[in-house]
């Protein structure tokens, strides 16, 4: 396996969320329906997750925030998440996409 393949295998769809966030629940539901597997990170339970979100959201803890490979988006649509996955980790796309 090449180093590029190893890096691709390690890529996940990182989903930063918090309890009670309706936008998080809606995006999680949409992505689940599409078959996207999420690596969920609760910003209220994980300080490093909260710090990451602040680093890409102008110091705010705005969720949902999604990261795939080197790209992160704050409050993306399901379509935007799929585009990130297609660009940075196509092996994570659901079958039939």
PDB file of N, CA and C in Angstrom:
ATOM      1  N   UNK A   1       0.852  -1.182   0.000  1.00  0.00           N
ATOM      2  CA  UNK A   1       0.000   0.000   0.000  1.00  0.00           C
ATOM      3  C   UNK A   1       0.893   1.239   0.000  1.00  0.00           C
ATOM      4  N   UNK A   2       0.604   2.167  -0.874  1.00  0.00           N
ATOM      5  CA  UNK A   2       1.389   3.402  -0.928  1.00  0.00           C
ATOM      6  C   UNK A   2       1.010   4.317   0.231  1.00  0.00           C
ATOM      7  N   UNK A   3       1.847   5.327   0.491  1.00  0.00           N
ATOM      8  CA  UNK A   3       1.529   6.268   1.569  1.00  0.00           C
ATOM      9  C   UNK A   3       0.262   7.043   1.248  1.00  0.00           C
ATOM     10  N   UNK A   4       0.006   7.296  -0.041  1.00  0.00           N
ATOM     11  CA  UNK A   4      -1.224   7.994  -0.435  1.00  0.00           C
ATOM     12  C   UNK A   4      -2.445   7.137  -0.094  1.00  0.00           C
ATOM     13  N   UNK A   5      -2.350   5.818  -0.383  1.00  0.00           N
ATOM     14  CA  UNK A   5      -3.449   4.918  -0.042  1.00  0.00           C
ATOM     15  C   UNK A   5      -3.672   4.869   1.467  1.00  0.00           C
ATOM     16  N   UNK A   6      -2.581   4.849   2.230  1.00  0.00           N
ATOM     17  CA  UNK A   6      -2.698   4.808   3.692  1.00  0.00           C
ATOM     18  C   UNK A   6      -3.378   6.065   4.206  1.00  0.00           C
ATOM     19  N   UNK A   7      -3.021   7.222   3.625  1.00  0.00           N
ATOM     20  CA  UNK A   7      -3.653   8.466   4.058  1.00  0.00           C
ATOM     21  C   UNK A   7      -5.136   8.452   3.710  1.00  0.00           C
ATOM     22  N   UNK A   8      -5.479   7.955   2.531  1.00  0.00           N
ATOM     23  CA  UNK A   8      -6.881   7.898   2.120  1.00  0.00           C
ATOM     24  C   UNK A   8      -7.664   6.998   3.063  1.00  0.00           C
ATOM     25  N   UNK A   9      -7.055   5.858   3.459  1.00  0.00           N
ATOM     26  CA  UNK A   9      -7.742   4.934   4.350  1.00  0.00           C
ATOM     27  C   UNK A   9      -8.013   5.557   5.712  1.00  0.00           C
ATOM     28  N   UNK A  10      -7.201   6.522   6.118  1.00  0.00           N
ATOM     29  CA  UNK A  10      -7.358   7.140   7.424  1.00  0.00           C
ATOM     30  C   UNK A  10      -8.356   8.285   7.419  1.00  0.00           C
ATOM     31  N   UNK A  11      -8.773   8.747   6.255  1.00  0.00           N
ATOM     32  CA  UNK A  11      -9.683   9.883   6.171  1.00  0.00           C
ATOM     33  C   UNK A  11     -11.073   9.471   6.634  1.00  0.00           C
ATOM     34  N   UNK A  12     -11.687  10.344   7.414  1.00  0.00           N
ATOM     35  CA  UNK A  12     -13.063  10.120   7.841  1.00  0.00           C
ATOM     36  C   UNK A  12     -13.861  11.391   7.591  1.00  0.00           C
ATOM     37  N   UNK A  13     -15.152  11.266   7.707  1.00  0.00           N
ATOM     38  CA  UNK A  13     -16.022  12.434   7.668  1.00  0.00           C
ATOM     39  C   UNK A  13     -16.210  12.841   9.129  1.00  0.00           C
ATOM     40  N   UNK A  14     -15.432  13.831   9.555  1.00  0.00           N
ATOM     41  CA  UNK A  14     -15.490  14.292  10.948  1.00  0.00           C
ATOM     42  C   UNK A  14     -16.688  15.225  11.082  1.00  0.00           C
ATOM     43  N   UNK A  15     -17.577  14.883  11.996  1.00  0.00           N
ATOM     44  CA  UNK A  15     -18.835  15.610  12.192  1.00  0.00           C
ATOM     45  C   UNK A  15     -18.832  16.188  13.597  1.00  0.00           C
ATOM     46  N   UNK A  16     -18.648  17.494  13.694  1.00  0.00           N
ATOM     47  CA  UNK A  16     -18.604  18.185  14.985  1.00  0.00           C
ATOM     48  C   UNK A  16     -20.005  18.683  15.317  1.00  0.00           C
ATOM     49  N   UNK A  17     -20.476  18.348  16.510  1.00  0.00           N
ATOM     50  CA  UNK A  17     -21.854  18.617  16.898  1.00  0.00           C
ATOM     51  C   UNK A  17     -21.915  18.876  18.396  1.00  0.00           C
ATOM     52  N   UNK A  18     -23.129  19.193  18.879  1.00  0.00           N
ATOM     53  CA  UNK A  18     -23.373  19.288  20.322  1.00  0.00           C
ATOM     54  C   UNK A  18     -24.824  18.902  20.587  1.00  0.00           C
ATOM     55  N   UNK A  19     -25.071  18.474  21.792  1.00  0.00           N
ATOM     56  CA  UNK A  19     -26.414  18.110  22.223  1.00  0.00           C
ATOM     57  C   UNK A  19     -27.360  19.291  22.065  1.00  0.00           C
ATOM     58  N   UNK A  20     -28.556  19.018  21.575  1.00  0.00           N
ATOM     59  CA  UNK A  20     -29.585  20.042  21.465  1.00  0.00           C
ATOM     60  C   UNK A  20     -29.510  20.882  20.209  1.00  0.00           C
ATOM     61  N   UNK A  21     -28.561  20.618  19.342  1.00  0.00           N
ATOM     62  CA  UNK A  21     -28.414  21.399  18.111  1.00  0.00           C
ATOM     63  C   UNK A  21     -29.321  20.806  17.026  1.00  0.00           C
ATOM     64  N   UNK A  22     -30.373  21.524  16.695  1.00  0.00           N
ATOM     65  CA  UNK A  22     -31.302  21.068  15.674  1.00  0.00           C
ATOM     66  C   UNK A  22     -30.682  20.995  14.293  1.00  0.00           C
ATOM     67  N   UNK A  23     -29.789  21.942  13.983  1.00  0.00           N
ATOM     68  CA  UNK A  23     -29.107  21.926  12.686  1.00  0.00           C
ATOM     69  C   UNK A  23     -28.214  20.691  12.570  1.00  0.00           C
ATOM     70  N   UNK A  24     -27.571  20.327  13.685  1.00  0.00           N
ATOM     71  CA  UNK A  24     -26.726  19.128  13.709  1.00  0.00           C
ATOM     72  C   UNK A  24     -27.567  17.881  13.454  1.00  0.00           C
ATOM     73  N   UNK A  25     -28.692  17.788  14.165  1.00  0.00           N
ATOM     74  CA  UNK A  25     -29.567  16.621  14.016  1.00  0.00           C
ATOM     75  C   UNK A  25     -30.088  16.511  12.588  1.00  0.00           C
ATOM     76  N   UNK A  26     -30.461  17.631  11.990  1.00  0.00           N
ATOM     77  CA  UNK A  26     -30.994  17.612  10.630  1.00  0.00           C
ATOM     78  C   UNK A  26     -29.923  17.161   9.635  1.00  0.00           C
ATOM     79  N   UNK A  27     -28.712  17.706   9.743  1.00  0.00           N
ATOM     80  CA  UNK A  27     -27.652  17.323   8.811  1.00  0.00           C
ATOM     81  C   UNK A  27     -27.251  15.865   9.028  1.00  0.00           C
ATOM     82  N   UNK A  28     -27.156  15.437  10.272  1.00  0.00           N
ATOM     83  CA  UNK A  28     -26.814  14.040  10.564  1.00  0.00           C
ATOM     84  C   UNK A  28     -27.854  13.110   9.944  1.00  0.00           C
ATOM     85  N   UNK A  29     -29.114  13.449  10.083  1.00  0.00           N
ATOM     86  CA  UNK A  29     -30.196  12.630   9.518  1.00  0.00           C
ATOM     87  C   UNK A  29     -30.090  12.577   7.989  1.00  0.00           C
ATOM     88  N   UNK A  30     -29.864  13.726   7.357  1.00  0.00           N
ATOM     89  CA  UNK A  30     -29.746  13.763   5.887  1.00  0.00           C
ATOM     90  C   UNK A  30     -28.566  12.925   5.406  1.00  0.00           C
ATOM     91  N   UNK A  31     -27.424  13.080   6.060  1.00  0.00           N
ATOM     92  CA  UNK A  31     -26.241  12.326   5.649  1.00  0.00           C
ATOM     93  C   UNK A  31     -26.420  10.835   5.906  1.00  0.00           C
ATOM     94  N   UNK A  32     -27.068  10.493   7.010  1.00  0.00           N
ATOM     95  CA  UNK A  32     -27.348   9.089   7.294  1.00  0.00           C
ATOM     96  C   UNK A  32     -28.243   8.464   6.244  1.00  0.00           C
ATOM     97  N   UNK A  33     -29.258   9.205   5.814  1.00  0.00           N
ATOM     98  CA  UNK A  33     -30.157   8.731   4.761  1.00  0.00           C
ATOM     99  C   UNK A  33     -29.383   8.488   3.466  1.00  0.00           C
ATOM    100  N   UNK A  34     -28.368   9.314   3.225  1.00  0.00           N
ATOM    101  CA  UNK A  34     -27.544   9.172   2.015  1.00  0.00           C
ATOM    102  C   UNK A  34     -26.477   8.085   2.159  1.00  0.00           C
ATOM    103  N   UNK A  35     -26.320   7.539   3.368  1.00  0.00           N
ATOM    104  CA  UNK A  35     -25.355   6.473   3.593  1.00  0.00           C
ATOM    105  C   UNK A  35     -23.959   6.936   3.962  1.00  0.00           C
ATOM    106  N   UNK A  36     -23.810   8.198   4.349  1.00  0.00           N
ATOM    107  CA  UNK A  36     -22.500   8.726   4.740  1.00  0.00           C
ATOM    108  C   UNK A  36     -22.236   8.347   6.199  1.00  0.00           C
ATOM    109  N   UNK A  37     -21.112   7.692   6.436  1.00  0.00           N
ATOM    110  CA  UNK A  37     -20.722   7.302   7.791  1.00  0.00           C
ATOM    111  C   UNK A  37     -19.959   8.458   8.422  1.00  0.00           C
ATOM    112  N   UNK A  38     -20.369   8.838   9.633  1.00  0.00           N
ATOM    113  CA  UNK A  38     -19.788   9.995  10.309  1.00  0.00           C
ATOM    114  C   UNK A  38     -18.925   9.589  11.490  1.00  0.00           C
ATOM    115  N   UNK A  39     -17.844  10.299  11.674  1.00  0.00           N
ATOM    116  CA  UNK A  39     -17.005  10.204  12.864  1.00  0.00           C
ATOM    117  C   UNK A  39     -17.447  11.369  13.745  1.00  0.00           C
ATOM    118  N   UNK A  40     -18.395  11.116  14.653  1.00  0.00           N
ATOM    119  CA  UNK A  40     -19.024  12.183  15.433  1.00  0.00           C
ATOM    120  C   UNK A  40     -18.122  12.631  16.584  1.00  0.00           C
ATOM    121  N   UNK A  41     -18.038  13.961  16.744  1.00  0.00           N
ATOM    122  CA  UNK A  41     -17.210  14.553  17.794  1.00  0.00           C
ATOM    123  C   UNK A  41     -18.017  15.633  18.502  1.00  0.00           C
ATOM    124  N   UNK A  42     -18.381  15.354  19.728  1.00  0.00           N
ATOM    125  CA  UNK A  42     -19.211  16.248  20.539  1.00  0.00           C
ATOM    126  C   UNK A  42     -18.340  17.357  21.125  1.00  0.00           C
ATOM    127  N   UNK A  43     -18.576  18.591  20.713  1.00  0.00           N
ATOM    128  CA  UNK A  43     -17.729  19.702  21.169  1.00  0.00           C
ATOM    129  C   UNK A  43     -17.925  20.018  22.644  1.00  0.00           C
ATOM    130  N   UNK A  44     -19.020  19.553  23.246  1.00  0.00           N
ATOM    131  CA  UNK A  44     -19.222  19.785  24.678  1.00  0.00           C
ATOM    132  C   UNK A  44     -18.550  18.722  25.527  1.00  0.00           C
ATOM    133  N   UNK A  45     -18.187  17.591  24.915  1.00  0.00           N
ATOM    134  CA  UNK A  45     -17.539  16.510  25.660  1.00  0.00           C
ATOM    135  C   UNK A  45     -16.049  16.400  25.346  1.00  0.00           C
ATOM    136  N   UNK A  46     -15.596  17.080  24.302  1.00  0.00           N
ATOM    137  CA  UNK A  46     -14.219  16.938  23.834  1.00  0.00           C
ATOM    138  C   UNK A  46     -13.637  18.331  23.559  1.00  0.00           C
ATOM    139  N   UNK A  47     -12.769  18.791  24.456  1.00  0.00           N
ATOM    140  CA  UNK A  47     -12.196  20.139  24.317  1.00  0.00           C
ATOM    141  C   UNK A  47     -11.402  20.290  23.030  1.00  0.00           C
ATOM    142  N   UNK A  48     -10.718  19.235  22.591  1.00  0.00           N
ATOM    143  CA  UNK A  48      -9.954  19.357  21.343  1.00  0.00           C
ATOM    144  C   UNK A  48     -10.895  19.522  20.149  1.00  0.00           C
ATOM    145  N   UNK A  49     -12.069  18.908  20.208  1.00  0.00           N
ATOM    146  CA  UNK A  49     -13.065  19.091  19.148  1.00  0.00           C
ATOM    147  C   UNK A  49     -13.574  20.531  19.157  1.00  0.00           C
ATOM    148  N   UNK A  50     -13.842  21.050  20.342  1.00  0.00           N
ATOM    149  CA  UNK A  50     -14.311  22.437  20.456  1.00  0.00           C
ATOM    150  C   UNK A  50     -13.242  23.397  19.952  1.00  0.00           C
ATOM    151  N   UNK A  51     -11.982  23.134  20.288  1.00  0.00           N
ATOM    152  CA  UNK A  51     -10.883  23.997  19.839  1.00  0.00           C
ATOM    153  C   UNK A  51     -10.774  23.971  18.317  1.00  0.00           C
ATOM    154  N   UNK A  52     -10.941  22.788  17.717  1.00  0.00           N
ATOM    155  CA  UNK A  52     -10.885  22.709  16.259  1.00  0.00           C
ATOM    156  C   UNK A  52     -11.992  23.559  15.634  1.00  0.00           C
ATOM    157  N   UNK A  53     -13.211  23.418  16.144  1.00  0.00           N
ATOM    158  CA  UNK A  53     -14.327  24.197  15.586  1.00  0.00           C
ATOM    159  C   UNK A  53     -14.042  25.686  15.711  1.00  0.00           C
ATOM    160  N   UNK A  54     -13.564  26.124  16.861  1.00  0.00           N
ATOM    161  CA  UNK A  54     -13.228  27.548  17.027  1.00  0.00           C
ATOM    162  C   UNK A  54     -12.179  27.989  16.008  1.00  0.00           C
ATOM    163  N   UNK A  55     -11.257  27.085  15.672  1.00  0.00           N
ATOM    164  CA  UNK A  55     -10.174  27.441  14.743  1.00  0.00           C
ATOM    165  C   UNK A  55     -10.669  27.656  13.317  1.00  0.00           C
ATOM    166  N   UNK A  56     -11.803  27.068  12.968  1.00  0.00           N
ATOM    167  CA  UNK A  56     -12.324  27.223  11.600  1.00  0.00           C
ATOM    168  C   UNK A  56     -13.596  28.060  11.545  1.00  0.00           C
ATOM    169  N   UNK A  57     -14.091  28.490  12.711  1.00  0.00           N
ATOM    170  CA  UNK A  57     -15.351  29.247  12.765  1.00  0.00           C
ATOM    171  C   UNK A  57     -15.154  30.616  13.421  1.00  0.00           C
ATOM    172  N   UNK A  58     -14.033  31.249  13.112  1.00  0.00           N
ATOM    173  CA  UNK A  58     -13.764  32.605  13.599  1.00  0.00           C
ATOM    174  C   UNK A  58     -13.883  32.730  15.118  1.00  0.00           C
ATOM    175  N   UNK A  59     -13.421  31.708  15.830  1.00  0.00           N
ATOM    176  CA  UNK A  59     -13.435  31.743  17.288  1.00  0.00           C
ATOM    177  C   UNK A  59     -14.735  31.310  17.918  1.00  0.00           C
ATOM    178  N   UNK A  60     -15.721  30.980  17.103  1.00  0.00           N
ATOM    179  CA  UNK A  60     -17.031  30.546  17.608  1.00  0.00           C
ATOM    180  C   UNK A  60     -17.127  29.031  17.642  1.00  0.00           C
ATOM    181  N   UNK A  61     -18.039  28.538  18.437  1.00  0.00           N
ATOM    182  CA  UNK A  61     -18.298  27.098  18.486  1.00  0.00           C
ATOM    183  C   UNK A  61     -19.550  26.794  17.670  1.00  0.00           C
ATOM    184  N   UNK A  62     -19.483  27.122  16.383  1.00  0.00           N
ATOM    185  CA  UNK A  62     -20.620  26.953  15.497  1.00  0.00           C
ATOM    186  C   UNK A  62     -20.645  25.532  14.952  1.00  0.00           C
ATOM    187  N   UNK A  63     -21.752  24.854  15.176  1.00  0.00           N
ATOM    188  CA  UNK A  63     -21.939  23.499  14.676  1.00  0.00           C
ATOM    189  C   UNK A  63     -23.287  23.428  13.953  1.00  0.00           C
ATOM    190  N   UNK A  64     -23.426  22.494  13.032  1.00  0.00           N
ATOM    191  CA  UNK A  64     -22.453  21.468  12.693  1.00  0.00           C
ATOM    192  C   UNK A  64     -21.286  22.030  11.897  1.00  0.00           C
ATOM    193  N   UNK A  65     -20.140  21.459  12.163  1.00  0.00           N
ATOM    194  CA  UNK A  65     -18.943  21.698  11.366  1.00  0.00           C
ATOM    195  C   UNK A  65     -18.495  20.333  10.882  1.00  0.00           C
ATOM    196  N   UNK A  66     -18.107  20.256   9.618  1.00  0.00           N
ATOM    197  CA  UNK A  66     -17.698  18.982   9.029  1.00  0.00           C
ATOM    198  C   UNK A  66     -16.329  19.151   8.406  1.00  0.00           C
ATOM    199  N   UNK A  67     -15.453  18.148   8.635  1.00  0.00           N
ATOM    200  CA  UNK A  67     -14.104  18.157   8.066  1.00  0.00           C
ATOM    201  C   UNK A  67     -13.881  16.853   7.326  1.00  0.00           C
ATOM    202  N   UNK A  68     -13.377  16.978   6.094  1.00  0.00           N
ATOM    203  CA  UNK A  68     -12.979  15.815   5.310  1.00  0.00           C
ATOM    204  C   UNK A  68     -11.608  16.127   4.735  1.00  0.00           C
ATOM    205  N   UNK A  69     -10.624  15.318   5.079  1.00  0.00           N
ATOM    206  CA  UNK A  69      -9.261  15.603   4.627  1.00  0.00           C
ATOM    207  C   UNK A  69      -8.842  16.974   5.116  1.00  0.00           C
ATOM    208  N   UNK A  70      -8.313  17.818   4.231  1.00  0.00           N
ATOM    209  CA  UNK A  70      -7.833  19.135   4.657  1.00  0.00           C
ATOM    210  C   UNK A  70      -8.921  20.214   4.698  1.00  0.00           C
ATOM    211  N   UNK A  71     -10.125  19.888   4.262  1.00  0.00           N
ATOM    212  CA  UNK A  71     -11.182  20.900   4.136  1.00  0.00           C
ATOM    213  C   UNK A  71     -12.200  20.796   5.268  1.00  0.00           C
ATOM    214  N   UNK A  72     -12.594  21.956   5.797  1.00  0.00           N
ATOM    215  CA  UNK A  72     -13.634  22.019   6.824  1.00  0.00           C
ATOM    216  C   UNK A  72     -14.675  23.040   6.402  1.00  0.00           C
ATOM    217  N   UNK A  73     -15.928  22.775   6.751  1.00  0.00           N
ATOM    218  CA  UNK A  73     -17.025  23.697   6.467  1.00  0.00           C
ATOM    219  C   UNK A  73     -17.887  23.840   7.702  1.00  0.00           C
ATOM    220  N   UNK A  74     -18.301  25.079   7.957  1.00  0.00           N
ATOM    221  CA  UNK A  74     -19.187  25.378   9.067  1.00  0.00           C
ATOM    222  C   UNK A  74     -20.617  25.426   8.535  1.00  0.00           C
ATOM    223  N   UNK A  75     -21.490  24.649   9.158  1.00  0.00           N
ATOM    224  CA  UNK A  75     -22.906  24.578   8.807  1.00  0.00           C
ATOM    225  C   UNK A  75     -23.127  24.299   7.314  1.00  0.00           C
ATOM    226  N   UNK A  76     -22.506  23.220   6.797  1.00  0.00           N
ATOM    227  CA  UNK A  76     -22.663  22.915   5.380  1.00  0.00           C
ATOM    228  C   UNK A  76     -23.990  22.205   5.108  1.00  0.00           C
ATOM    229  N   UNK A  77     -24.367  22.200   3.850  1.00  0.00           N
ATOM    230  CA  UNK A  77     -25.516  21.395   3.420  1.00  0.00           C
ATOM    231  C   UNK A  77     -25.021  19.973   3.173  1.00  0.00           C
ATOM    232  N   UNK A  78     -25.945  19.036   3.082  1.00  0.00           N
ATOM    233  CA  UNK A  78     -25.579  17.653   2.773  1.00  0.00           C
ATOM    234  C   UNK A  78     -24.883  17.592   1.411  1.00  0.00           C
ATOM    235  N   UNK A  79     -25.344  18.393   0.468  1.00  0.00           N
ATOM    236  CA  UNK A  79     -24.741  18.432  -0.866  1.00  0.00           C
ATOM    237  C   UNK A  79     -23.282  18.890  -0.781  1.00  0.00           C
ATOM    238  N   UNK A  80     -23.008  19.897   0.050  1.00  0.00           N
ATOM    239  CA  UNK A  80     -21.637  20.379   0.214  1.00  0.00           C
ATOM    240  C   UNK A  80     -20.749  19.318   0.862  1.00  0.00           C
ATOM    241  N   UNK A  81     -21.296  18.574   1.819  1.00  0.00           N
ATOM    242  CA  UNK A  81     -20.528  17.502   2.459  1.00  0.00           C
ATOM    243  C   UNK A  81     -20.195  16.426   1.428  1.00  0.00           C
ATOM    244  N   UNK A  82     -21.176  16.032   0.619  1.00  0.00           N
ATOM    245  CA  UNK A  82     -20.916  15.022  -0.410  1.00  0.00           C
ATOM    246  C   UNK A  82     -19.840  15.491  -1.384  1.00  0.00           C
ATOM    247  N   UNK A  83     -19.842  16.760  -1.738  1.00  0.00           N
ATOM    248  CA  UNK A  83     -18.820  17.300  -2.636  1.00  0.00           C
ATOM    249  C   UNK A  83     -17.437  17.230  -1.987  1.00  0.00           C
ATOM    250  N   UNK A  84     -17.361  17.524  -0.683  1.00  0.00           N
ATOM    251  CA  UNK A  84     -16.077  17.416   0.024  1.00  0.00           C
ATOM    252  C   UNK A  84     -15.590  15.977   0.024  1.00  0.00           C
ATOM    253  N   UNK A  85     -16.498  15.042   0.296  1.00  0.00           N
ATOM    254  CA  UNK A  85     -16.126  13.629   0.320  1.00  0.00           C
ATOM    255  C   UNK A  85     -15.653  13.195  -1.066  1.00  0.00           C
ATOM    256  N   UNK A  86     -16.381  13.596  -2.100  1.00  0.00           N
ATOM    257  CA  UNK A  86     -16.002  13.240  -3.468  1.00  0.00           C
ATOM    258  C   UNK A  86     -14.604  13.760  -3.801  1.00  0.00           C
ATOM    259  N   UNK A  87     -14.285  14.966  -3.350  1.00  0.00           N
ATOM    260  CA  UNK A  87     -12.997  15.565  -3.651  1.00  0.00           C
ATOM    261  C   UNK A  87     -11.858  14.973  -2.831  1.00  0.00           C
ATOM    262  N   UNK A  88     -12.077  14.763  -1.535  1.00  0.00           N
ATOM    263  CA  UNK A  88     -10.981  14.416  -0.638  1.00  0.00           C
ATOM    264  C   UNK A  88     -10.953  12.962  -0.183  1.00  0.00           C
ATOM    265  N   UNK A  89     -12.061  12.250  -0.278  1.00  0.00           N
ATOM    266  CA  UNK A  89     -12.110  10.866   0.200  1.00  0.00           C
ATOM    267  C   UNK A  89     -13.185  10.081  -0.549  1.00  0.00           C
ATOM    268  N   UNK A  90     -13.055   9.965  -1.869  1.00  0.00           N
ATOM    269  CA  UNK A  90     -14.110   9.311  -2.649  1.00  0.00           C
ATOM    270  C   UNK A  90     -14.390   7.875  -2.224  1.00  0.00           C
ATOM    271  N   UNK A  91     -13.408   7.222  -1.591  1.00  0.00           N
ATOM    272  CA  UNK A  91     -13.630   5.855  -1.118  1.00  0.00           C
ATOM    273  C   UNK A  91     -14.678   5.811   0.006  1.00  0.00           C
ATOM    274  N   UNK A  92     -15.016   6.961   0.588  1.00  0.00           N
ATOM    275  CA  UNK A  92     -16.039   7.009   1.645  1.00  0.00           C
ATOM    276  C   UNK A  92     -17.430   7.275   1.112  1.00  0.00           C
ATOM    277  N   UNK A  93     -17.554   7.514  -0.195  1.00  0.00           N
ATOM    278  CA  UNK A  93     -18.887   7.770  -0.757  1.00  0.00           C
ATOM    279  C   UNK A  93     -19.741   6.523  -0.645  1.00  0.00           C
ATOM    280  N   UNK A  94     -21.020   6.721  -0.347  1.00  0.00           N
ATOM    281  CA  UNK A  94     -21.931   5.577  -0.285  1.00  0.00           C
ATOM    282  C   UNK A  94     -22.019   4.897  -1.648  1.00  0.00           C
ATOM    283  N   UNK A  95     -22.285   3.621  -1.643  1.00  0.00           N
ATOM    284  CA  UNK A  95     -22.434   2.869  -2.890  1.00  0.00           C
ATOM    285  C   UNK A  95     -23.524   3.513  -3.725  1.00  0.00           C
ATOM    286  N   UNK A  96     -23.284   3.636  -5.024  1.00  0.00           N
ATOM    287  CA  UNK A  96     -24.270   4.199  -5.928  1.00  0.00           C
ATOM    288  C   UNK A  96     -24.188   5.705  -6.066  1.00  0.00           C
ATOM    289  N   UNK A  97     -23.252   6.344  -5.391  1.00  0.00           N
ATOM    290  CA  UNK A  97     -23.131   7.817  -5.485  1.00  0.00           C
ATOM    291  C   UNK A  97     -22.313   8.205  -6.686  1.00  0.00           C
TER     292      UNK A  97
END
